[in-house]
């Protein structure tokens, strides 16, 4: 996994439960504007996907109780949104500028730095 993706995972995994809930809610609102299609546009190899999934899961698993105590299901929600965000950071060239903004915007809205979009 690239250093920028690893840094993204580390950063988002340290967000407070309230902030992760806000990111998830923002992500849901954007799904209607093309977020689902943008997520489906990301095609990673099995090993790339596995590495990102493992990194996110490893980072968030110790906080599962804390996240679910804040809001039921937040651990699962956070896993999903952090994996999608990390996949976007890992492979921005697979996305249009608009798709990249849809998938990373909820994170940047709470102050998480993401790399600029790179055209493919």
N, C-alpha and C. Protein backbone atom coordinates (compact mmCIF):
# COMPACT_ATOMS: atom_id res chain seq x y z
N UNK A 1 0.85 -1.17 0.00
CA UNK A 1 0.00 0.00 0.00
C UNK A 1 0.90 1.24 0.00
N UNK A 2 0.53 2.22 -0.79
CA UNK A 2 1.30 3.45 -0.89
C UNK A 2 1.24 4.24 0.42
N UNK A 3 2.25 5.03 0.65
CA UNK A 3 2.35 5.82 1.88
C UNK A 3 1.18 6.78 2.04
N UNK A 4 0.70 7.38 0.94
CA UNK A 4 -0.42 8.32 1.05
C UNK A 4 -1.70 7.60 1.48
N UNK A 5 -1.88 6.39 1.00
CA UNK A 5 -3.06 5.61 1.39
C UNK A 5 -2.94 5.20 2.85
N UNK A 6 -1.75 4.77 3.26
CA UNK A 6 -1.54 4.38 4.66
C UNK A 6 -1.77 5.56 5.59
N UNK A 7 -1.31 6.74 5.21
CA UNK A 7 -1.52 7.93 6.02
C UNK A 7 -3.00 8.27 6.11
N UNK A 8 -3.72 8.13 5.00
CA UNK A 8 -5.16 8.38 5.00
C UNK A 8 -5.84 7.43 5.99
N UNK A 9 -5.51 6.14 5.92
CA UNK A 9 -6.13 5.15 6.82
C UNK A 9 -5.83 5.50 8.27
N UNK A 10 -4.59 5.83 8.56
CA UNK A 10 -4.21 6.20 9.92
C UNK A 10 -4.99 7.42 10.40
N UNK A 11 -5.13 8.39 9.53
CA UNK A 11 -5.83 9.63 9.90
C UNK A 11 -7.31 9.38 10.15
N UNK A 12 -7.98 8.70 9.23
CA UNK A 12 -9.43 8.52 9.39
C UNK A 12 -9.75 7.56 10.54
N UNK A 13 -8.85 6.62 10.80
CA UNK A 13 -9.09 5.68 11.91
C UNK A 13 -8.99 6.37 13.26
N UNK A 14 -8.35 7.54 13.30
CA UNK A 14 -8.22 8.25 14.58
C UNK A 14 -9.31 9.30 14.79
N UNK A 15 -10.21 9.45 13.82
CA UNK A 15 -11.30 10.41 13.98
C UNK A 15 -12.22 10.00 15.12
N UNK A 16 -12.80 10.97 15.77
CA UNK A 16 -13.72 10.68 16.88
C UNK A 16 -14.96 9.97 16.37
N UNK A 17 -15.66 9.26 17.25
CA UNK A 17 -16.91 8.62 16.83
C UNK A 17 -17.90 9.63 16.23
N UNK A 18 -18.01 10.80 16.83
CA UNK A 18 -18.95 11.81 16.31
C UNK A 18 -18.55 12.23 14.91
N UNK A 19 -17.27 12.39 14.68
CA UNK A 19 -16.80 12.80 13.36
C UNK A 19 -17.02 11.70 12.33
N UNK A 20 -16.72 10.46 12.71
CA UNK A 20 -16.98 9.35 11.79
C UNK A 20 -18.46 9.23 11.47
N UNK A 21 -19.31 9.46 12.44
CA UNK A 21 -20.76 9.43 12.18
C UNK A 21 -21.14 10.54 11.21
N UNK A 22 -20.55 11.73 11.38
CA UNK A 22 -20.82 12.83 10.46
C UNK A 22 -20.36 12.49 9.04
N UNK A 23 -19.17 11.89 8.93
CA UNK A 23 -18.66 11.50 7.62
C UNK A 23 -19.59 10.48 6.98
N UNK A 24 -20.06 9.51 7.75
CA UNK A 24 -20.97 8.50 7.21
C UNK A 24 -22.27 9.14 6.74
N UNK A 25 -22.84 10.02 7.56
CA UNK A 25 -24.10 10.68 7.17
C UNK A 25 -23.92 11.51 5.91
N UNK A 26 -22.80 12.21 5.80
CA UNK A 26 -22.50 13.00 4.61
C UNK A 26 -22.36 12.08 3.39
N UNK A 27 -21.70 10.96 3.57
CA UNK A 27 -21.53 9.98 2.50
C UNK A 27 -22.88 9.48 2.00
N UNK A 28 -23.80 9.20 2.93
CA UNK A 28 -25.13 8.74 2.53
C UNK A 28 -25.86 9.79 1.69
N UNK A 29 -25.73 11.04 2.07
CA UNK A 29 -26.39 12.11 1.30
C UNK A 29 -25.82 12.18 -0.12
N UNK A 30 -24.53 11.92 -0.27
CA UNK A 30 -23.89 12.01 -1.58
C UNK A 30 -24.16 10.79 -2.46
N UNK A 31 -24.58 9.69 -1.87
CA UNK A 31 -24.87 8.49 -2.67
C UNK A 31 -25.92 8.78 -3.73
N UNK A 32 -26.87 9.64 -3.41
CA UNK A 32 -27.93 9.99 -4.37
C UNK A 32 -27.40 10.84 -5.51
N UNK A 33 -26.24 11.47 -5.31
CA UNK A 33 -25.66 12.34 -6.34
C UNK A 33 -24.59 11.63 -7.16
N UNK A 34 -24.50 10.32 -7.03
CA UNK A 34 -23.55 9.56 -7.83
C UNK A 34 -22.47 8.86 -7.04
N UNK A 35 -22.56 8.90 -5.73
CA UNK A 35 -21.55 8.25 -4.90
C UNK A 35 -21.47 6.75 -5.10
N UNK A 36 -22.60 6.12 -5.28
CA UNK A 36 -22.61 4.67 -5.49
C UNK A 36 -21.90 4.31 -6.79
N UNK A 37 -22.22 5.04 -7.85
CA UNK A 37 -21.59 4.78 -9.14
C UNK A 37 -20.09 5.07 -9.08
N UNK A 38 -19.72 6.12 -8.37
CA UNK A 38 -18.30 6.46 -8.22
C UNK A 38 -17.57 5.33 -7.51
N UNK A 39 -18.16 4.80 -6.46
CA UNK A 39 -17.54 3.71 -5.72
C UNK A 39 -17.37 2.48 -6.61
N UNK A 40 -18.33 2.23 -7.45
CA UNK A 40 -18.25 1.06 -8.34
C UNK A 40 -17.23 1.24 -9.45
N UNK A 41 -16.84 2.49 -9.73
CA UNK A 41 -15.85 2.75 -10.78
C UNK A 41 -14.44 2.35 -10.35
N UNK A 42 -14.23 2.19 -9.05
CA UNK A 42 -12.91 1.82 -8.54
C UNK A 42 -12.68 0.33 -8.74
N UNK A 43 -11.67 0.00 -9.51
CA UNK A 43 -11.32 -1.39 -9.76
C UNK A 43 -9.89 -1.63 -9.29
N UNK A 44 -9.77 -2.27 -8.16
CA UNK A 44 -8.46 -2.60 -7.61
C UNK A 44 -8.21 -4.08 -7.77
N UNK A 45 -6.94 -4.43 -7.81
CA UNK A 45 -6.61 -5.86 -7.84
C UNK A 45 -7.04 -6.47 -6.50
N UNK A 46 -7.15 -7.77 -6.49
CA UNK A 46 -7.54 -8.46 -5.25
C UNK A 46 -6.54 -8.17 -4.14
N UNK A 47 -5.26 -8.14 -4.47
CA UNK A 47 -4.26 -7.89 -3.43
C UNK A 47 -4.32 -6.45 -2.93
N UNK A 48 -4.58 -5.50 -3.82
CA UNK A 48 -4.72 -4.10 -3.39
C UNK A 48 -5.93 -3.94 -2.48
N UNK A 49 -7.04 -4.51 -2.91
CA UNK A 49 -8.26 -4.41 -2.10
C UNK A 49 -8.05 -5.07 -0.74
N UNK A 50 -7.43 -6.22 -0.73
CA UNK A 50 -7.19 -6.95 0.51
C UNK A 50 -6.30 -6.15 1.45
N UNK A 51 -5.26 -5.52 0.91
CA UNK A 51 -4.34 -4.74 1.75
C UNK A 51 -5.06 -3.55 2.39
N UNK A 52 -5.89 -2.88 1.61
CA UNK A 52 -6.64 -1.73 2.15
C UNK A 52 -7.65 -2.21 3.18
N UNK A 53 -8.39 -3.24 2.86
CA UNK A 53 -9.38 -3.77 3.79
C UNK A 53 -8.73 -4.19 5.10
N UNK A 54 -7.60 -4.87 5.01
CA UNK A 54 -6.89 -5.31 6.21
C UNK A 54 -6.40 -4.12 7.03
N UNK A 55 -5.85 -3.11 6.37
CA UNK A 55 -5.33 -1.94 7.08
C UNK A 55 -6.45 -1.20 7.81
N UNK A 56 -7.57 -1.01 7.14
CA UNK A 56 -8.70 -0.29 7.76
C UNK A 56 -9.27 -1.11 8.91
N UNK A 57 -9.48 -2.39 8.67
CA UNK A 57 -10.04 -3.26 9.72
C UNK A 57 -9.12 -3.31 10.93
N UNK A 58 -7.82 -3.44 10.71
CA UNK A 58 -6.85 -3.48 11.81
C UNK A 58 -6.83 -2.18 12.60
N UNK A 59 -7.00 -1.07 11.89
CA UNK A 59 -6.98 0.23 12.55
C UNK A 59 -8.26 0.50 13.35
N UNK A 60 -9.39 0.03 12.86
CA UNK A 60 -10.67 0.34 13.51
C UNK A 60 -11.12 -0.73 14.51
N UNK A 61 -10.68 -1.96 14.34
CA UNK A 61 -11.16 -3.04 15.21
C UNK A 61 -10.96 -2.76 16.70
N UNK A 62 -9.83 -2.21 17.12
CA UNK A 62 -9.68 -1.92 18.56
C UNK A 62 -10.70 -0.89 19.07
N UNK A 63 -11.34 -0.17 18.17
CA UNK A 63 -12.30 0.86 18.55
C UNK A 63 -13.74 0.42 18.33
N UNK A 64 -13.97 -0.83 17.99
CA UNK A 64 -15.31 -1.30 17.65
C UNK A 64 -16.31 -1.00 18.76
N UNK A 65 -15.97 -1.32 19.99
CA UNK A 65 -16.88 -1.07 21.10
C UNK A 65 -17.17 0.41 21.29
N UNK A 66 -16.15 1.22 21.19
CA UNK A 66 -16.31 2.68 21.33
C UNK A 66 -17.22 3.23 20.24
N UNK A 67 -17.02 2.79 19.01
CA UNK A 67 -17.82 3.29 17.89
C UNK A 67 -19.28 2.85 18.02
N UNK A 68 -19.49 1.58 18.32
CA UNK A 68 -20.86 1.09 18.45
C UNK A 68 -21.56 1.62 19.70
N UNK A 69 -20.79 1.98 20.73
CA UNK A 69 -21.40 2.60 21.91
C UNK A 69 -21.89 4.01 21.58
N UNK A 70 -21.21 4.67 20.67
CA UNK A 70 -21.63 6.00 20.26
C UNK A 70 -22.90 5.92 19.44
N UNK A 71 -22.93 5.00 18.47
CA UNK A 71 -24.11 4.80 17.63
C UNK A 71 -24.10 3.37 17.13
N UNK A 72 -25.18 2.67 17.32
CA UNK A 72 -25.28 1.27 16.90
C UNK A 72 -24.93 1.14 15.42
N UNK A 73 -24.01 0.23 15.12
CA UNK A 73 -23.63 -0.02 13.74
C UNK A 73 -22.53 0.88 13.20
N UNK A 74 -22.03 1.81 14.02
CA UNK A 74 -21.04 2.76 13.52
C UNK A 74 -19.73 2.07 13.14
N UNK A 75 -19.36 1.02 13.83
CA UNK A 75 -18.13 0.31 13.47
C UNK A 75 -18.22 -0.20 12.04
N UNK A 76 -19.29 -0.86 11.71
CA UNK A 76 -19.49 -1.38 10.35
C UNK A 76 -19.57 -0.25 9.34
N UNK A 77 -20.30 0.81 9.68
CA UNK A 77 -20.42 1.97 8.79
C UNK A 77 -19.05 2.59 8.54
N UNK A 78 -18.25 2.73 9.60
CA UNK A 78 -16.93 3.34 9.49
C UNK A 78 -16.00 2.47 8.63
N UNK A 79 -16.09 1.16 8.80
CA UNK A 79 -15.28 0.26 7.96
C UNK A 79 -15.57 0.51 6.49
N UNK A 80 -16.83 0.53 6.15
CA UNK A 80 -17.23 0.70 4.76
C UNK A 80 -16.76 2.03 4.19
N UNK A 81 -17.05 3.11 4.89
CA UNK A 81 -16.70 4.42 4.33
C UNK A 81 -15.20 4.64 4.31
N UNK A 82 -14.46 4.12 5.28
CA UNK A 82 -13.00 4.28 5.29
C UNK A 82 -12.34 3.46 4.19
N UNK A 83 -12.86 2.27 3.91
CA UNK A 83 -12.32 1.45 2.82
C UNK A 83 -12.55 2.16 1.49
N UNK A 84 -13.74 2.67 1.28
CA UNK A 84 -14.04 3.38 0.03
C UNK A 84 -13.16 4.62 -0.11
N UNK A 85 -13.01 5.37 0.97
CA UNK A 85 -12.14 6.54 0.93
C UNK A 85 -10.70 6.17 0.62
N UNK A 86 -10.20 5.12 1.26
CA UNK A 86 -8.82 4.68 1.03
C UNK A 86 -8.63 4.17 -0.40
N UNK A 87 -9.62 3.48 -0.93
CA UNK A 87 -9.53 3.02 -2.32
C UNK A 87 -9.47 4.21 -3.27
N UNK A 88 -10.21 5.25 -2.96
CA UNK A 88 -10.22 6.46 -3.78
C UNK A 88 -8.86 7.15 -3.76
N UNK A 89 -8.27 7.23 -2.57
CA UNK A 89 -6.95 7.85 -2.42
C UNK A 89 -5.89 7.01 -3.13
N UNK A 90 -6.06 5.68 -3.10
CA UNK A 90 -5.09 4.78 -3.71
C UNK A 90 -5.14 4.84 -5.24
N UNK A 91 -6.32 5.03 -5.81
CA UNK A 91 -6.48 4.96 -7.26
C UNK A 91 -7.31 6.13 -7.81
N UNK A 92 -6.88 7.36 -7.58
CA UNK A 92 -7.67 8.50 -8.04
C UNK A 92 -7.81 8.58 -9.55
N UNK A 93 -6.85 8.05 -10.29
CA UNK A 93 -6.91 8.14 -11.75
C UNK A 93 -8.04 7.29 -12.34
N UNK A 94 -8.59 6.39 -11.56
CA UNK A 94 -9.72 5.57 -12.04
C UNK A 94 -11.03 6.35 -11.98
N UNK A 95 -11.00 7.50 -11.36
CA UNK A 95 -12.21 8.28 -11.13
C UNK A 95 -12.15 9.60 -11.88
N UNK A 96 -13.31 10.11 -12.23
CA UNK A 96 -13.35 11.48 -12.73
C UNK A 96 -13.12 12.41 -11.54
N UNK A 97 -12.83 13.65 -11.81
CA UNK A 97 -12.64 14.63 -10.74
C UNK A 97 -13.89 14.70 -9.86
N UNK A 98 -15.07 14.64 -10.48
CA UNK A 98 -16.33 14.71 -9.74
C UNK A 98 -16.52 13.49 -8.86
N UNK A 99 -16.21 12.31 -9.39
CA UNK A 99 -16.34 11.09 -8.59
C UNK A 99 -15.38 11.11 -7.41
N UNK A 100 -14.16 11.56 -7.64
CA UNK A 100 -13.17 11.63 -6.56
C UNK A 100 -13.67 12.57 -5.47
N UNK A 101 -14.22 13.70 -5.87
CA UNK A 101 -14.76 14.66 -4.90
C UNK A 101 -15.93 14.07 -4.12
N UNK A 102 -16.78 13.29 -4.78
CA UNK A 102 -17.90 12.65 -4.09
C UNK A 102 -17.41 11.68 -3.02
N UNK A 103 -16.36 10.92 -3.33
CA UNK A 103 -15.90 9.88 -2.41
C UNK A 103 -14.97 10.40 -1.32
N UNK A 104 -14.27 11.49 -1.58
CA UNK A 104 -13.36 12.03 -0.58
C UNK A 104 -13.92 13.27 0.11
N UNK A 105 -14.93 13.89 -0.47
CA UNK A 105 -15.51 15.11 0.09
C UNK A 105 -15.97 15.01 1.53
N UNK A 106 -16.63 13.91 1.92
CA UNK A 106 -17.05 13.80 3.32
C UNK A 106 -15.86 13.82 4.30
N UNK A 107 -14.72 13.35 3.85
CA UNK A 107 -13.52 13.38 4.70
C UNK A 107 -12.91 14.78 4.73
N UNK A 108 -12.80 15.41 3.56
CA UNK A 108 -12.22 16.76 3.53
C UNK A 108 -13.10 17.75 4.28
N UNK A 109 -14.41 17.49 4.31
CA UNK A 109 -15.34 18.37 5.03
C UNK A 109 -15.06 18.41 6.53
N UNK A 110 -14.42 17.35 7.05
CA UNK A 110 -14.10 17.31 8.48
C UNK A 110 -12.60 17.55 8.73
N UNK A 111 -11.90 18.01 7.69
CA UNK A 111 -10.51 18.40 7.87
C UNK A 111 -9.46 17.37 7.51
N UNK A 112 -9.86 16.25 6.93
CA UNK A 112 -8.88 15.24 6.52
C UNK A 112 -8.27 15.68 5.18
N UNK A 113 -6.95 15.71 5.12
CA UNK A 113 -6.27 16.04 3.87
C UNK A 113 -6.26 14.81 2.96
N UNK A 114 -6.58 15.05 1.71
CA UNK A 114 -6.45 14.00 0.70
C UNK A 114 -5.64 14.57 -0.46
N UNK A 115 -4.95 13.70 -1.17
CA UNK A 115 -4.19 14.18 -2.34
C UNK A 115 -5.13 14.78 -3.38
N UNK A 116 -4.59 15.67 -4.19
CA UNK A 116 -5.37 16.19 -5.30
C UNK A 116 -5.70 15.07 -6.27
N UNK A 117 -6.79 15.26 -7.00
CA UNK A 117 -7.17 14.28 -8.01
C UNK A 117 -6.10 14.25 -9.10
N UNK A 118 -5.82 13.04 -9.57
CA UNK A 118 -4.88 12.85 -10.67
C UNK A 118 -5.64 12.22 -11.82
N UNK A 119 -5.65 12.88 -12.96
CA UNK A 119 -6.37 12.36 -14.12
C UNK A 119 -5.64 11.14 -14.68
N UNK A 120 -6.43 10.19 -15.17
CA UNK A 120 -5.85 8.95 -15.69
C UNK A 120 -5.50 8.97 -17.09
